[in-house]
C-alpha atoms as a PDB file:
ATOM      1  CA  MET A   1     136.982  34.019  74.781  1.00  0.00           C
ATOM      2  CA  ALA A   2     135.348  32.416  77.967  1.00  0.00           C
ATOM      3  CA  VAL A   3     131.383  32.023  76.809  1.00  0.00           C
ATOM      4  CA  LEU A   4     129.180  32.906  79.757  1.00  0.00           C
ATOM      5  CA  ARG A   5     126.818  29.729  80.456  1.00  0.00           C
ATOM      6  CA  ASN A   6     125.652  30.585  83.673  1.00  0.00           C
ATOM      7  CA  LEU A   7     123.876  33.612  85.646  1.00  0.00           C
ATOM      8  CA  VAL A   8     123.569  33.637  89.242  1.00  0.00           C
ATOM      9  CA  ALA A   9     121.832  36.697  91.273  1.00  0.00           C
ATOM     10  CA  CYS A  10     121.100  37.267  95.082  1.00  0.00           C
ATOM     11  CA  ASP A  11     118.135  39.678  95.932  1.00  0.00           C
ATOM     12  CA  SER A  12     116.973  41.725  98.838  1.00  0.00           C
ATOM     13  CA  GLN A  13     114.540  39.176  99.891  1.00  0.00           C
ATOM     14  CA  GLY A  14     117.358  36.239 100.361  1.00  0.00           C
ATOM     15  CA  GLY A  15     117.000  34.470  96.981  1.00  0.00           C
ATOM     16  CA  LEU A  16     119.328  33.103  94.710  1.00  0.00           C
ATOM     17  CA  THR A  17     118.011  33.055  90.980  1.00  0.00           C
ATOM     18  CA  PHE A  18     119.720  30.632  88.728  1.00  0.00           C
ATOM     19  CA  ARG A  19     119.794  31.056  84.904  1.00  0.00           C
ATOM     20  CA  ASP A  20     121.309  29.030  81.983  1.00  0.00           C
ATOM     21  CA  MET A  21     122.303  31.553  79.573  1.00  0.00           C
ATOM     22  CA  ARG A  22     121.333  28.803  77.027  1.00  0.00           C
ATOM     23  CA  ALA A  23     118.046  28.498  77.632  1.00  0.00           C
ATOM     24  CA  PRO A  24     114.900  30.930  77.450  1.00  0.00           C
ATOM     25  CA  ARG A  25     114.727  33.091  79.923  1.00  0.00           C
ATOM     26  CA  GLU A  26     111.264  31.975  81.503  1.00  0.00           C
ATOM     27  CA  GLU A  27     113.389  28.675  82.583  1.00  0.00           C
ATOM     28  CA  SER A  28     115.289  30.971  85.141  1.00  0.00           C
ATOM     29  CA  LYS A  29     114.567  29.425  88.449  1.00  0.00           C
ATOM     30  CA  ARG A  30     114.737  31.173  92.277  1.00  0.00           C
ATOM     31  CA  TRP A  31     115.158  29.711  95.537  1.00  0.00           C
ATOM     32  CA  THR A  32     114.738  31.537  98.849  1.00  0.00           C
ATOM     33  CA  VAL A  33     117.931  30.781 101.120  1.00  0.00           C
ATOM     34  CA  ASP A  34     117.525  33.349 103.541  1.00  0.00           C
ATOM     35  CA  ARG A  35     115.046  35.209 105.825  1.00  0.00           C
ATOM     36  CA  ASN A  36     117.277  38.370 105.267  1.00  0.00           C
ATOM     37  CA  ARG A  37     118.979  40.136 102.403  1.00  0.00           C
ATOM     38  CA  ILE A  38     121.928  38.615 100.688  1.00  0.00           C
ATOM     39  CA  SER A  39     124.624  41.062  99.894  1.00  0.00           C
ATOM     40  CA  SER A  40     126.301  39.373  97.521  1.00  0.00           C
ATOM     41  CA  ILE A  41     127.279  36.272  95.739  1.00  0.00           C
ATOM     42  CA  GLN A  42     130.601  34.850  93.695  1.00  0.00           C
ATOM     43  CA  LEU A  43     130.868  32.074  92.087  1.00  0.00           C
ATOM     44  CA  ASN A  44     134.136  29.900  92.576  1.00  0.00           C
ATOM     45  CA  PRO A  45     136.375  30.105  89.291  1.00  0.00           C
ATOM     46  CA  ALA A  46     137.818  26.942  89.842  1.00  0.00           C
ATOM     47  CA  ASN A  47     134.405  24.998  90.425  1.00  0.00           C
ATOM     48  CA  GLU A  48     131.331  26.656  88.745  1.00  0.00           C
ATOM     49  CA  HIS A  49     129.094  24.462  91.011  1.00  0.00           C
ATOM     50  CA  LEU A  50     130.137  26.590  94.201  1.00  0.00           C
ATOM     51  CA  ALA A  51     129.186  29.873  95.034  1.00  0.00           C
ATOM     52  CA  VAL A  52     129.894  31.825  98.084  1.00  0.00           C
ATOM     53  CA  THR A  53     126.848  34.526  99.627  1.00  0.00           C
ATOM     54  CA  SER A  54     127.493  37.229 101.891  1.00  0.00           C
ATOM     55  CA  HIS A  55     124.718  38.476 104.232  1.00  0.00           C
ATOM     56  CA  LEU A  56     123.939  41.974 106.081  1.00  0.00           C
ATOM     57  CA  LYS A  57     123.472  39.635 109.181  1.00  0.00           C
ATOM     58  CA  GLY A  58     127.214  38.777 109.582  1.00  0.00           C
ATOM     59  CA  MET A  59     127.108  35.277 107.501  1.00  0.00           C
ATOM     60  CA  THR A  60     129.395  33.976 104.887  1.00  0.00           C
ATOM     61  CA  ARG A  61     127.856  30.408 103.240  1.00  0.00           C
ATOM     62  CA  LEU A  62     129.246  28.101 100.400  1.00  0.00           C
ATOM     63  CA  TRP A  63     126.565  26.374  98.329  1.00  0.00           C
ATOM     64  CA  ASP A  64     126.492  23.631  96.202  1.00  0.00           C
ATOM     65  CA  LEU A  65     124.374  25.183  93.027  1.00  0.00           C
ATOM     66  CA  ARG A  66     124.155  21.570  91.686  1.00  0.00           C
ATOM     67  CA  LYS A  67     122.294  20.674  94.899  1.00  0.00           C
ATOM     68  CA  LEU A  68     120.141  23.737  94.792  1.00  0.00           C
ATOM     69  CA  GLN A  69     118.999  23.256  90.909  1.00  0.00           C
ATOM     70  CA  GLY A  70     117.843  20.290  91.719  1.00  0.00           C
ATOM     71  CA  MET A  71     115.223  21.463  94.647  1.00  0.00           C
ATOM     72  CA  PRO A  72     111.723  22.912  93.931  1.00  0.00           C
ATOM     73  CA  GLN A  73     111.420  26.640  93.657  1.00  0.00           C
ATOM     74  CA  ASP A  74     108.700  26.691  96.429  1.00  0.00           C
ATOM     75  CA  ALA A  75     111.268  25.049  99.048  1.00  0.00           C
ATOM     76  CA  THR A  76     111.670  27.028 102.466  1.00  0.00           C
ATOM     77  CA  ASP A  77     114.983  28.161 103.530  1.00  0.00           C
ATOM     78  CA  ASP A  78     115.212  25.770 106.121  1.00  0.00           C
ATOM     79  CA  THR A  79     115.264  22.922 103.097  1.00  0.00           C
ATOM     80  CA  THR A  80     117.213  24.769 100.976  1.00  0.00           C
ATOM     81  CA  ASN A  81     119.858  25.368 103.750  1.00  0.00           C
ATOM     82  CA  ALA A  82     119.581  21.826 104.808  1.00  0.00           C
ATOM     83  CA  MET A  83     120.094  20.375 101.335  1.00  0.00           C
ATOM     84  CA  ALA A  84     122.437  22.680  99.410  1.00  0.00           C
ATOM     85  CA  LYS A  85     124.308  24.598 102.068  1.00  0.00           C
ATOM     86  CA  VAL A  86     128.130  23.365 101.981  1.00  0.00           C
ATOM     87  CA  ALA A  87     129.361  25.559 104.983  1.00  0.00           C
ATOM     88  CA  ASP A  88     128.682  28.450 107.052  1.00  0.00           C
ATOM     89  CA  PHE A  89     130.876  31.268 109.133  1.00  0.00           C
ATOM     90  CA  TYR A  90     129.127  33.653 111.395  1.00  0.00           C
ATOM     91  CA  HIS A  91     131.736  36.698 111.706  1.00  0.00           C
ATOM     92  CA  GLY A  92     128.789  38.790 113.130  1.00  0.00           C
ATOM     93  CA  LYS A  93     129.985  41.859 110.971  1.00  0.00           C
ATOM     94  CA  ARG A  94     127.875  43.218 108.309  1.00  0.00           C
ATOM     95  CA  SER A  95     129.062  41.803 104.977  1.00  0.00           C
ATOM     96  CA  SER A  96     128.862  43.604 101.373  1.00  0.00           C
ATOM     97  CA  GLU A  97     130.982  41.422  99.489  1.00  0.00           C
ATOM     98  CA  ALA A  98     132.174  37.391  99.523  1.00  0.00           C
ATOM     99  CA  VAL A  99     135.158  36.393  97.263  1.00  0.00           C
ATOM    100  CA  SER A 100     135.738  32.720  96.067  1.00  0.00           C
ATOM    101  CA  ARG A 101     139.354  31.597  95.021  1.00  0.00           C
ATOM    102  CA  SER A 102     140.222  28.077  94.423  1.00  0.00           C
ATOM    103  CA  CYS A 103     143.108  26.834  96.899  1.00  0.00           C
ATOM    104  CA  GLY A 104     146.712  27.597  95.136  1.00  0.00           C
ATOM    105  CA  GLY A 105     145.504  29.273  92.541  1.00  0.00           C
ATOM    106  CA  ALA A 106     145.711  33.354  91.597  1.00  0.00           C
ATOM    107  CA  SER A 107     143.064  35.420  92.080  1.00  0.00           C
ATOM    108  CA  PRO A 108     141.215  36.489  89.000  1.00  0.00           C
ATOM    109  CA  SER A 109     142.295  40.172  89.613  1.00  0.00           C
ATOM    110  CA  ALA A 110     145.913  38.629  89.886  1.00  0.00           C
ATOM    111  CA  ARG A 111     146.159  37.233  86.259  1.00  0.00           C
ATOM    112  CA  PRO A 112     147.728  38.696  83.291  1.00  0.00           C
END
């Protein structure tokens, strides 16, 4: 059975919250990465340092959580985007879910 080590959450104010489940709750960190609501976030099952977010303004972004964790929590969204964003894709549609899969691997729902 896998042990949950990290919890990552998004919020309606453009924030990402990171918590190491082995550390006290008070050590959780939150960064503002967008000026608008983030609809969803999903960790890459093959690489826990990568996460994909979807945004109601029609944007999907790929993040390197290691770089984000090294930044001060009061960093602006421009700074977090410049330093921790790996890629983005503007598709112009409201998006409520993002999915991350490793190349060549089965999706988590397809596993036995």
